[in-house]
Each structure stands twice: as C-alpha cells, then as structure tokens.
Amino acid sequence: MNTTDPKFLETVRKSPLAQDMSADEAAVLAGVLSLQSLPAKQVLAREGSSDNRLYAVVSGSLAIVKSLGTPDEEPILTLNAGEFAHELGFLDGAERYASLVAASDAQVLVLEREQLESLVDTHPRVLYRIMCAIVRAVHRVQARQSMHASELSNYISKQHGRY
C-alpha cells in the first residue's frame, strides 16, 4: 500500500490501531499495514490453522464461525468496524479456535507479525501504542465474556439450576 495516499493514511488514523498516535506515528504504522477488500463469504482463515495476521475491520463485518462448512456450523460472533480479529493468535501463533469469514463485503487493515517486529528497533513508541491497542481490545473481549458469564450464572441460579 502506498503510505503517501491520503485516503489510506486517513483510514489508518481512524483505526483503533492508531489510537493515541501522532500524525507521524500513524504514518509509520501505515507503512507496515495493508488494506484488503473482501467480498462477502470470503474465508480469511480456517479453524485449526495458525497465521501471523491481525485484522482490523474498517468497513463491513467479519464472522467468527465454528465448524465452517459442516452440518454443525455455528456462528459465534460478528465483528464490525473498529474491531480486531485474531489479536492473540497473531502474537503467539496459536491455532484458530474458529474460522474467520467476511459476513458482508468488507475492508480490513492487515498487520503481519513480522511487520510489527520490524518496529522494535526503529519505532518502539509506535510498537508500544499498537500493543496498547491490542491489549485494550482483548480487555474489552474479556469484560464482555465476564458479563455474559455473570448473566448466565444469575439466570441459572434464579431458575434453581433448571434450564
């Protein structure tokens, strides 16, 4: 991607990856990102695979789907603009729990782990801000999971264990 393209730079600046970044820092970030357009139903990654990409949804939506293409297929979550996909697996290479599919026509910013690592020596402040954005996203997921667990526990206890 041409990092001098004003539209691309603006897209990067609006991304949660660039939160708290100066214009110069966002320009450095733009240099390690790519923008990918996806038609609806395109599979970005399959369950059980591992890769080194973090996706930030710019427009449209992505679906996280368990058992994709089988009779047991189950949609788990839909990610919309401003949300990330594969935050932790991107960092540690862990296998995907579920597949990632474009739920609609979508655009995503893609950050590869090697590109992130290239910032260690040259732009540590940008790297730090990216990591903060990832931690914020993971924290939101954890808080949402805790809320759902609490609601489920309250529901079951109010039903005296009957569900």
C-alpha atoms as a PDB file:
ATOM      1  CA  MET A   1       0.000   0.000   0.000  1.00  0.00           C
ATOM      2  CA  ASN A   2       1.244   3.475  -0.813  1.00  0.00           C
ATOM      3  CA  THR A   3       1.629   5.152   2.571  1.00  0.00           C
ATOM      4  CA  THR A   4       1.560   8.600   0.962  1.00  0.00           C
ATOM      5  CA  ASP A   5      -2.006   8.015  -0.280  1.00  0.00           C
ATOM      6  CA  PRO A   6      -4.087  10.487   1.777  1.00  0.00           C
ATOM      7  CA  LYS A   7      -7.161   8.207   1.811  1.00  0.00           C
ATOM      8  CA  PHE A   8      -5.125   5.288   3.126  1.00  0.00           C
ATOM      9  CA  LEU A   9      -3.475   7.474   5.768  1.00  0.00           C
ATOM     10  CA  GLU A  10      -6.891   8.719   6.875  1.00  0.00           C
ATOM     11  CA  THR A  11      -8.167   5.127   7.088  1.00  0.00           C
ATOM     12  CA  VAL A  12      -5.203   4.193   9.274  1.00  0.00           C
ATOM     13  CA  ARG A  13      -5.643   7.263  11.508  1.00  0.00           C
ATOM     14  CA  LYS A  14      -9.305   6.335  12.128  1.00  0.00           C
ATOM     15  CA  SER A  15      -8.368   2.771  13.059  1.00  0.00           C
ATOM     16  CA  PRO A  16      -8.207   1.775  16.720  1.00  0.00           C
ATOM     17  CA  LEU A  17      -4.648   0.655  15.976  1.00  0.00           C
ATOM     18  CA  ALA A  18      -3.689   4.328  15.640  1.00  0.00           C
ATOM     19  CA  GLN A  19      -5.481   5.469  18.781  1.00  0.00           C
ATOM     20  CA  ASP A  20      -3.295   7.919  20.704  1.00  0.00           C
ATOM     21  CA  MET A  21      -0.799   8.194  17.828  1.00  0.00           C
ATOM     22  CA  SER A  22       0.514  11.415  16.397  1.00  0.00           C
ATOM     23  CA  ALA A  23       0.255  12.002  12.656  1.00  0.00           C
ATOM     24  CA  ASP A  24       3.907  10.974  12.242  1.00  0.00           C
ATOM     25  CA  GLU A  25       3.405   7.785  14.256  1.00  0.00           C
ATOM     26  CA  ALA A  26       0.293   6.924  12.238  1.00  0.00           C
ATOM     27  CA  ALA A  27       2.323   7.379   9.046  1.00  0.00           C
ATOM     28  CA  VAL A  28       4.870   4.856  10.361  1.00  0.00           C
ATOM     29  CA  LEU A  29       2.008   2.492  11.183  1.00  0.00           C
ATOM     30  CA  ALA A  30       0.626   2.932   7.662  1.00  0.00           C
ATOM     31  CA  GLY A  31       3.980   1.759   6.351  1.00  0.00           C
ATOM     32  CA  VAL A  32       3.528  -1.673   7.935  1.00  0.00           C
ATOM     33  CA  LEU A  33      -0.185  -2.161   7.173  1.00  0.00           C
ATOM     34  CA  SER A  34      -2.030  -3.240   4.077  1.00  0.00           C
ATOM     35  CA  LEU A  35      -5.681  -2.697   3.163  1.00  0.00           C
ATOM     36  CA  GLN A  36      -7.588  -5.707   1.884  1.00  0.00           C
ATOM     37  CA  SER A  37     -11.041  -5.674   0.270  1.00  0.00           C
ATOM     38  CA  LEU A  38     -13.121  -8.796   0.802  1.00  0.00           C
ATOM     39  CA  PRO A  39     -16.269  -9.976  -0.948  1.00  0.00           C
ATOM     40  CA  ALA A  40     -18.986 -11.446   1.272  1.00  0.00           C
ATOM     41  CA  LYS A  41     -18.377 -15.086   2.243  1.00  0.00           C
ATOM     42  CA  GLN A  42     -14.631 -14.972   1.565  1.00  0.00           C
ATOM     43  CA  VAL A  43     -12.779 -17.087   4.106  1.00  0.00           C
ATOM     44  CA  LEU A  44      -9.815 -15.253   5.612  1.00  0.00           C
ATOM     45  CA  ALA A  45      -8.656 -18.075   7.877  1.00  0.00           C
ATOM     46  CA  ARG A  46      -9.784 -21.583   8.710  1.00  0.00           C
ATOM     47  CA  GLU A  47     -10.360 -23.127  12.106  1.00  0.00           C
ATOM     48  CA  GLY A  48      -7.315 -25.091  13.263  1.00  0.00           C
ATOM     49  CA  SER A  49      -4.878 -23.079  11.155  1.00  0.00           C
ATOM     50  CA  SER A  50      -2.397 -20.606  12.530  1.00  0.00           C
ATOM     51  CA  ASP A  51      -1.056 -17.469  10.971  1.00  0.00           C
ATOM     52  CA  ASN A  52       0.629 -14.203  11.791  1.00  0.00           C
ATOM     53  CA  ARG A  53      -2.038 -11.682  10.797  1.00  0.00           C
ATOM     54  CA  LEU A  54      -4.092  -9.253  12.830  1.00  0.00           C
ATOM     55  CA  TYR A  55      -7.181  -7.879  11.099  1.00  0.00           C
ATOM     56  CA  ALA A  56      -8.768  -4.525  11.950  1.00  0.00           C
ATOM     57  CA  VAL A  57     -12.229  -4.144  10.427  1.00  0.00           C
ATOM     58  CA  VAL A  58     -12.543  -0.860   8.528  1.00  0.00           C
ATOM     59  CA  SER A  59     -15.962  -1.425   6.948  1.00  0.00           C
ATOM     60  CA  GLY A  60     -18.446  -4.248   6.621  1.00  0.00           C
ATOM     61  CA  SER A  61     -18.320  -7.172   9.002  1.00  0.00           C
ATOM     62  CA  LEU A  62     -16.468 -10.400   9.678  1.00  0.00           C
ATOM     63  CA  ALA A  63     -17.979 -13.527  11.199  1.00  0.00           C
ATOM     64  CA  ILE A  64     -16.258 -15.909  13.553  1.00  0.00           C
ATOM     65  CA  VAL A  65     -17.695 -19.334  12.712  1.00  0.00           C
ATOM     66  CA  LYS A  66     -17.120 -22.681  14.408  1.00  0.00           C
ATOM     67  CA  SER A  67     -17.171 -25.825  12.223  1.00  0.00           C
ATOM     68  CA  LEU A  68     -17.452 -23.836   8.977  1.00  0.00           C
ATOM     69  CA  GLY A  69     -18.967 -25.789   6.085  1.00  0.00           C
ATOM     70  CA  THR A  70     -20.196 -28.685   8.213  1.00  0.00           C
ATOM     71  CA  PRO A  71     -23.680 -29.577   9.477  1.00  0.00           C
ATOM     72  CA  ASP A  72     -22.522 -28.348  12.903  1.00  0.00           C
ATOM     73  CA  GLU A  73     -21.605 -24.873  11.603  1.00  0.00           C
ATOM     74  CA  GLU A  74     -22.216 -22.294  14.302  1.00  0.00           C
ATOM     75  CA  PRO A  75     -21.751 -18.531  14.080  1.00  0.00           C
ATOM     76  CA  ILE A  76     -20.107 -17.302  17.270  1.00  0.00           C
ATOM     77  CA  LEU A  77     -19.656 -13.577  16.831  1.00  0.00           C
ATOM     78  CA  THR A  78     -19.839 -10.808  14.256  1.00  0.00           C
ATOM     79  CA  LEU A  79     -17.098  -8.202  14.222  1.00  0.00           C
ATOM     80  CA  ASN A  80     -17.836  -4.721  12.913  1.00  0.00           C
ATOM     81  CA  ALA A  81     -15.859  -1.613  12.011  1.00  0.00           C
ATOM     82  CA  GLY A  82     -13.324  -0.752  14.690  1.00  0.00           C
ATOM     83  CA  GLU A  83     -12.924  -4.295  15.993  1.00  0.00           C
ATOM     84  CA  PHE A  84      -9.958  -6.654  15.691  1.00  0.00           C
ATOM     85  CA  ALA A  85      -9.764 -10.310  14.743  1.00  0.00           C
ATOM     86  CA  HIS A  86      -7.097 -12.776  15.891  1.00  0.00           C
ATOM     87  CA  GLU A  87      -5.416 -10.496  18.432  1.00  0.00           C
ATOM     88  CA  LEU A  88      -3.744 -13.207  20.484  1.00  0.00           C
ATOM     89  CA  GLY A  89      -3.035 -15.787  17.794  1.00  0.00           C
ATOM     90  CA  PHE A  90      -1.382 -13.025  15.818  1.00  0.00           C
ATOM     91  CA  LEU A  91       1.135 -12.615  18.622  1.00  0.00           C
ATOM     92  CA  ASP A  92       1.771 -16.220  19.636  1.00  0.00           C
ATOM     93  CA  GLY A  93       0.899 -18.266  16.533  1.00  0.00           C
ATOM     94  CA  ALA A  94      -1.746 -20.335  18.340  1.00  0.00           C
ATOM     95  CA  GLU A  95      -4.218 -22.283  16.226  1.00  0.00           C
ATOM     96  CA  ARG A  96      -7.514 -20.629  15.453  1.00  0.00           C
ATOM     97  CA  TYR A  97     -10.489 -21.754  17.510  1.00  0.00           C
ATOM     98  CA  ALA A  98     -12.871 -20.893  14.669  1.00  0.00           C
ATOM     99  CA  SER A  99     -12.850 -19.707  11.067  1.00  0.00           C
ATOM    100  CA  LEU A 100     -12.913 -16.057  10.041  1.00  0.00           C
ATOM    101  CA  VAL A 101     -15.248 -15.195   7.167  1.00  0.00           C
ATOM    102  CA  ALA A 102     -16.393 -11.939   5.580  1.00  0.00           C
ATOM    103  CA  ALA A 103     -20.045 -11.695   6.664  1.00  0.00           C
ATOM    104  CA  SER A 104     -20.569  -8.894   4.145  1.00  0.00           C
ATOM    105  CA  ASP A 105     -18.394  -7.035   1.694  1.00  0.00           C
ATOM    106  CA  ALA A 106     -15.664  -5.692   3.938  1.00  0.00           C
ATOM    107  CA  GLN A 107     -12.371  -3.879   4.131  1.00  0.00           C
ATOM    108  CA  VAL A 108      -9.739  -4.763   6.692  1.00  0.00           C
ATOM    109  CA  LEU A 109      -6.371  -3.411   7.664  1.00  0.00           C
ATOM    110  CA  VAL A 110      -3.871  -6.261   7.900  1.00  0.00           C
ATOM    111  CA  LEU A 111      -0.835  -6.257  10.171  1.00  0.00           C
ATOM    112  CA  GLU A 112       1.604  -9.153   9.932  1.00  0.00           C
ATOM    113  CA  ARG A 113       3.659 -10.114  12.975  1.00  0.00           C
ATOM    114  CA  GLU A 114       6.937  -9.700  11.063  1.00  0.00           C
ATOM    115  CA  GLN A 115       5.944  -6.136  10.190  1.00  0.00           C
ATOM    116  CA  LEU A 116       5.152  -5.420  13.818  1.00  0.00           C
ATOM    117  CA  GLU A 117       8.502  -6.840  14.880  1.00  0.00           C
ATOM    118  CA  SER A 118      10.281  -4.638  12.335  1.00  0.00           C
ATOM    119  CA  LEU A 119       9.350  -1.656  14.529  1.00  0.00           C
ATOM    120  CA  VAL A 120      11.181  -2.909  17.633  1.00  0.00           C
ATOM    121  CA  ASP A 121      14.436  -1.067  16.983  1.00  0.00           C
ATOM    122  CA  THR A 122      13.320   1.715  14.669  1.00  0.00           C
ATOM    123  CA  HIS A 123       9.994   2.886  16.166  1.00  0.00           C
ATOM    124  CA  PRO A 124       9.491   1.436  19.661  1.00  0.00           C
ATOM    125  CA  ARG A 125       6.901   4.095  20.606  1.00  0.00           C
ATOM    126  CA  VAL A 126       4.704   3.092  17.639  1.00  0.00           C
ATOM    127  CA  LEU A 127       5.110  -0.570  18.580  1.00  0.00           C
ATOM    128  CA  TYR A 128       4.107   0.265  22.160  1.00  0.00           C
ATOM    129  CA  ARG A 129       0.975   2.091  21.007  1.00  0.00           C
ATOM    130  CA  ILE A 130      -0.013  -0.838  18.758  1.00  0.00           C
ATOM    131  CA  MET A 131       0.401  -3.236  21.671  1.00  0.00           C
ATOM    132  CA  CYS A 132      -1.722  -0.954  23.862  1.00  0.00           C
ATOM    133  CA  ALA A 133      -4.474  -1.023  21.230  1.00  0.00           C
ATOM    134  CA  ILE A 134      -4.348  -4.826  21.144  1.00  0.00           C
ATOM    135  CA  VAL A 135      -4.470  -5.054  24.952  1.00  0.00           C
ATOM    136  CA  ARG A 136      -7.475  -2.688  25.019  1.00  0.00           C
ATOM    137  CA  ALA A 137      -9.267  -4.913  22.508  1.00  0.00           C
ATOM    138  CA  VAL A 138      -8.502  -8.075  24.473  1.00  0.00           C
ATOM    139  CA  HIS A 139      -9.636  -6.364  27.671  1.00  0.00           C
ATOM    140  CA  ARG A 140     -12.995  -5.495  26.041  1.00  0.00           C
ATOM    141  CA  VAL A 141     -13.449  -9.138  24.992  1.00  0.00           C
ATOM    142  CA  GLN A 142     -12.613 -10.350  28.491  1.00  0.00           C
ATOM    143  CA  ALA A 143     -15.036  -7.858  30.073  1.00  0.00           C
ATOM    144  CA  ARG A 144     -17.799  -8.923  27.668  1.00  0.00           C
ATOM    145  CA  GLN A 145     -17.156 -12.608  28.487  1.00  0.00           C
ATOM    146  CA  SER A 146     -17.274 -11.879  32.223  1.00  0.00           C
ATOM    147  CA  MET A 147     -20.579 -10.043  31.826  1.00  0.00           C
ATOM    148  CA  HIS A 148     -22.083 -12.955  29.847  1.00  0.00           C
ATOM    149  CA  ALA A 149     -20.850 -15.481  32.428  1.00  0.00           C
ATOM    150  CA  SER A 150     -22.395 -13.428  35.228  1.00  0.00           C
ATOM    151  CA  GLU A 151     -25.712 -13.125  33.393  1.00  0.00           C
ATOM    152  CA  LEU A 152     -25.766 -16.872  32.726  1.00  0.00           C
ATOM    153  CA  SER A 153     -24.965 -17.645  36.356  1.00  0.00           C
ATOM    154  CA  ASN A 154     -27.741 -15.295  37.530  1.00  0.00           C
ATOM    155  CA  TYR A 155     -30.198 -16.889  35.108  1.00  0.00           C
ATOM    156  CA  ILE A 156     -29.381 -20.415  36.255  1.00  0.00           C
ATOM    157  CA  SER A 157     -29.497 -19.551  39.964  1.00  0.00           C
ATOM    158  CA  LYS A 158     -32.855 -17.808  39.566  1.00  0.00           C
ATOM    159  CA  GLN A 159     -34.154 -20.953  37.876  1.00  0.00           C
ATOM    160  CA  HIS A 160     -32.821 -23.062  40.793  1.00  0.00           C
ATOM    161  CA  GLY A 161     -30.495 -24.887  38.452  1.00  0.00           C
ATOM    162  CA  ARG A 162     -33.290 -25.704  35.977  1.00  0.00           C
ATOM    163  CA  TYR A 163     -32.780 -24.542  32.416  1.00  0.00           C
END
